[in-house]
Amino acid sequence: QVQLVESGGGLVQPGGSLRLSCVVSGRIFSIYPMGWYRQAPGKQRELVARIRSGGTTTYADSVKGRFTISRDNAKNTVYLQMNSLKPEDTAVYYCNKDAPYDHWGQGTQVTVSS
């Protein structure tokens, strides 16, 4: 059974930083592209960053230059370093591979507020 466990969220002031982690278990990790997604209240889930198995990364325009996705295949873990956070980054953050998706984890709440 595949499990995705996200952590690292919290309350941060605008301009602050957070580092999210996602540990994947129950399947091979290294061969799949992985993404960080977020869902704000009343909005659809959106992809914010993606990393291919070889390390190539892509970002949504809204986070480009502020967020960095990385992965450690030895630890079955994908990370999201978030800098210069804005109130509009407030959301629940999830990790997953490309569709067809694994069962979604519980996510980690990120709240950016003064």
C-alpha atoms as a PDB file:
ATOM      1  CA  GLN A   1       0.000   0.000   0.000  1.00  0.00           C
ATOM      2  CA  VAL A   2       1.419   3.324  -1.074  1.00  0.00           C
ATOM      3  CA  GLN A   3       1.690   6.007   1.602  1.00  0.00           C
ATOM      4  CA  LEU A   4       2.546   9.677   1.174  1.00  0.00           C
ATOM      5  CA  VAL A   5       3.383  11.536   4.384  1.00  0.00           C
ATOM      6  CA  GLU A   6       3.850  15.288   4.168  1.00  0.00           C
ATOM      7  CA  SER A   7       5.330  17.421   6.938  1.00  0.00           C
ATOM      8  CA  GLY A   8       6.969  20.762   7.634  1.00  0.00           C
ATOM      9  CA  GLY A   9       4.066  23.169   7.326  1.00  0.00           C
ATOM     10  CA  GLY A  10       3.170  25.827   9.831  1.00  0.00           C
ATOM     11  CA  LEU A  11       2.385  29.476  10.441  1.00  0.00           C
ATOM     12  CA  VAL A  12       4.898  31.939   9.026  1.00  0.00           C
ATOM     13  CA  GLN A  13       4.975  35.677   8.467  1.00  0.00           C
ATOM     14  CA  PRO A  14       5.066  37.128   4.959  1.00  0.00           C
ATOM     15  CA  GLY A  15       8.598  36.983   3.639  1.00  0.00           C
ATOM     16  CA  GLY A  16       9.423  33.934   5.717  1.00  0.00           C
ATOM     17  CA  SER A  17      10.528  30.454   4.704  1.00  0.00           C
ATOM     18  CA  LEU A  18       9.460  26.862   5.222  1.00  0.00           C
ATOM     19  CA  ARG A  19      10.789  23.522   4.051  1.00  0.00           C
ATOM     20  CA  LEU A  20       8.270  20.788   3.348  1.00  0.00           C
ATOM     21  CA  SER A  21       9.102  17.093   3.204  1.00  0.00           C
ATOM     22  CA  CYS A  22       7.209  14.153   1.762  1.00  0.00           C
ATOM     23  CA  VAL A  23       8.181  10.559   2.418  1.00  0.00           C
ATOM     24  CA  VAL A  24       6.858   7.937   0.020  1.00  0.00           C
ATOM     25  CA  SER A  25       6.565   4.286   0.934  1.00  0.00           C
ATOM     26  CA  GLY A  26       5.043   1.195  -0.644  1.00  0.00           C
ATOM     27  CA  ARG A  27       6.320   1.585  -4.190  1.00  0.00           C
ATOM     28  CA  ILE A  28       9.422   2.353  -6.178  1.00  0.00           C
ATOM     29  CA  PHE A  29      10.174   6.058  -5.762  1.00  0.00           C
ATOM     30  CA  SER A  30      13.147   6.889  -7.933  1.00  0.00           C
ATOM     31  CA  ILE A  31      11.661   6.262 -11.374  1.00  0.00           C
ATOM     32  CA  TYR A  32       8.630   8.543 -11.033  1.00  0.00           C
ATOM     33  CA  PRO A  33       8.366  12.292 -11.476  1.00  0.00           C
ATOM     34  CA  MET A  34       7.064  13.856  -8.262  1.00  0.00           C
ATOM     35  CA  GLY A  35       5.119  17.028  -7.703  1.00  0.00           C
ATOM     36  CA  TRP A  36       4.058  19.360  -4.939  1.00  0.00           C
ATOM     37  CA  TYR A  37       0.444  20.445  -5.168  1.00  0.00           C
ATOM     38  CA  ARG A  38      -1.560  22.861  -3.071  1.00  0.00           C
ATOM     39  CA  GLN A  39      -5.207  23.526  -2.412  1.00  0.00           C
ATOM     40  CA  ALA A  40      -6.468  26.754  -0.919  1.00  0.00           C
ATOM     41  CA  PRO A  41      -9.972  27.036   0.573  1.00  0.00           C
ATOM     42  CA  GLY A  42     -12.580  27.204  -2.168  1.00  0.00           C
ATOM     43  CA  LYS A  43     -10.043  26.558  -4.912  1.00  0.00           C
ATOM     44  CA  GLN A  44      -8.995  23.574  -6.967  1.00  0.00           C
ATOM     45  CA  ARG A  45      -5.816  21.699  -6.246  1.00  0.00           C
ATOM     46  CA  GLU A  46      -2.954  23.020  -8.365  1.00  0.00           C
ATOM     47  CA  LEU A  47       0.518  21.794  -9.233  1.00  0.00           C
ATOM     48  CA  VAL A  48       3.186  24.205  -8.014  1.00  0.00           C
ATOM     49  CA  ALA A  49       6.418  22.311  -8.644  1.00  0.00           C
ATOM     50  CA  ARG A  50       7.503  19.104 -10.343  1.00  0.00           C
ATOM     51  CA  ILE A  51      10.746  17.163 -10.475  1.00  0.00           C
ATOM     52  CA  ARG A  52      11.541  14.371 -12.866  1.00  0.00           C
ATOM     53  CA  SER A  53      13.485  11.293 -11.893  1.00  0.00           C
ATOM     54  CA  GLY A  54      16.645  12.795 -13.374  1.00  0.00           C
ATOM     55  CA  GLY A  55      16.219  16.061 -11.487  1.00  0.00           C
ATOM     56  CA  THR A  56      14.703  18.354 -14.116  1.00  0.00           C
ATOM     57  CA  THR A  57      12.344  20.804 -12.431  1.00  0.00           C
ATOM     58  CA  THR A  58       9.386  22.932 -13.477  1.00  0.00           C
ATOM     59  CA  TYR A  59       7.406  25.507 -11.510  1.00  0.00           C
ATOM     60  CA  ALA A  60       4.126  27.342 -11.659  1.00  0.00           C
ATOM     61  CA  ASP A  61       4.621  30.986 -12.567  1.00  0.00           C
ATOM     62  CA  SER A  62       3.239  32.036  -9.197  1.00  0.00           C
ATOM     63  CA  VAL A  63       6.127  30.391  -7.299  1.00  0.00           C
ATOM     64  CA  LYS A  64       8.979  30.612  -9.793  1.00  0.00           C
ATOM     65  CA  GLY A  65      12.077  32.086  -8.211  1.00  0.00           C
ATOM     66  CA  ARG A  66      10.757  31.555  -4.675  1.00  0.00           C
ATOM     67  CA  PHE A  67      10.212  27.786  -4.369  1.00  0.00           C
ATOM     68  CA  THR A  68      12.707  24.997  -4.997  1.00  0.00           C
ATOM     69  CA  ILE A  69      11.780  21.341  -5.353  1.00  0.00           C
ATOM     70  CA  SER A  70      14.350  18.619  -4.767  1.00  0.00           C
ATOM     71  CA  ARG A  71      14.436  14.895  -4.119  1.00  0.00           C
ATOM     72  CA  ASP A  72      16.561  12.327  -2.325  1.00  0.00           C
ATOM     73  CA  ASN A  73      15.957   8.976  -3.975  1.00  0.00           C
ATOM     74  CA  ALA A  74      17.917   7.151  -1.271  1.00  0.00           C
ATOM     75  CA  LYS A  75      15.432   8.425   1.301  1.00  0.00           C
ATOM     76  CA  ASN A  76      12.299   8.172  -0.864  1.00  0.00           C
ATOM     77  CA  THR A  77      11.724  11.823  -0.063  1.00  0.00           C
ATOM     78  CA  VAL A  78      10.796  14.925  -2.008  1.00  0.00           C
ATOM     79  CA  TYR A  79      11.277  18.421  -0.572  1.00  0.00           C
ATOM     80  CA  LEU A  80       9.887  21.871  -1.232  1.00  0.00           C
ATOM     81  CA  GLN A  81      11.919  24.841  -0.029  1.00  0.00           C
ATOM     82  CA  MET A  82       9.643  27.868   0.083  1.00  0.00           C
ATOM     83  CA  ASN A  83      11.144  31.329   0.448  1.00  0.00           C
ATOM     84  CA  SER A  84       9.665  34.822   0.328  1.00  0.00           C
ATOM     85  CA  LEU A  85       6.294  33.438   1.276  1.00  0.00           C
ATOM     86  CA  LYS A  86       3.179  35.468   0.539  1.00  0.00           C
ATOM     87  CA  PRO A  87      -0.317  35.320   2.031  1.00  0.00           C
ATOM     88  CA  GLU A  88      -1.562  33.854  -1.250  1.00  0.00           C
ATOM     89  CA  ASP A  89       0.680  30.820  -0.660  1.00  0.00           C
ATOM     90  CA  THR A  90      -1.624  29.802   2.196  1.00  0.00           C
ATOM     91  CA  ALA A  91      -2.956  26.335   1.404  1.00  0.00           C
ATOM     92  CA  VAL A  92      -2.715  22.666   2.240  1.00  0.00           C
ATOM     93  CA  TYR A  93       0.305  21.248   0.439  1.00  0.00           C
ATOM     94  CA  TYR A  94       0.435  17.707  -0.911  1.00  0.00           C
ATOM     95  CA  CYS A  95       2.943  15.627  -2.795  1.00  0.00           C
ATOM     96  CA  ASN A  96       2.134  13.032  -5.431  1.00  0.00           C
ATOM     97  CA  LYS A  97       3.400  11.565  -8.650  1.00  0.00           C
ATOM     98  CA  ASP A  98       1.918  12.297 -12.066  1.00  0.00           C
ATOM     99  CA  ALA A  99      -1.509  10.880 -12.872  1.00  0.00           C
ATOM    100  CA  PRO A 100      -2.653   8.255 -12.217  1.00  0.00           C
ATOM    101  CA  TYR A 101      -2.132   9.565  -8.705  1.00  0.00           C
ATOM    102  CA  ASP A 102      -1.349   7.603  -5.611  1.00  0.00           C
ATOM    103  CA  HIS A 103      -3.876   7.872  -2.799  1.00  0.00           C
ATOM    104  CA  TRP A 104      -3.446  11.399  -1.473  1.00  0.00           C
ATOM    105  CA  GLY A 105      -1.852  11.922   1.899  1.00  0.00           C
ATOM    106  CA  GLN A 106      -3.165  14.186   4.613  1.00  0.00           C
ATOM    107  CA  GLY A 107      -1.167  17.153   3.394  1.00  0.00           C
ATOM    108  CA  THR A 108       0.529  19.803   5.486  1.00  0.00           C
ATOM    109  CA  GLN A 109      -1.010  23.187   6.226  1.00  0.00           C
ATOM    110  CA  VAL A 110       0.938  26.298   5.314  1.00  0.00           C
ATOM    111  CA  THR A 111      -0.419  29.588   6.613  1.00  0.00           C
ATOM    112  CA  VAL A 112       1.262  32.869   5.711  1.00  0.00           C
ATOM    113  CA  SER A 113      -0.028  35.682   7.857  1.00  0.00           C
ATOM    114  CA  SER A 114       1.175  38.549   9.972  1.00  0.00           C
END
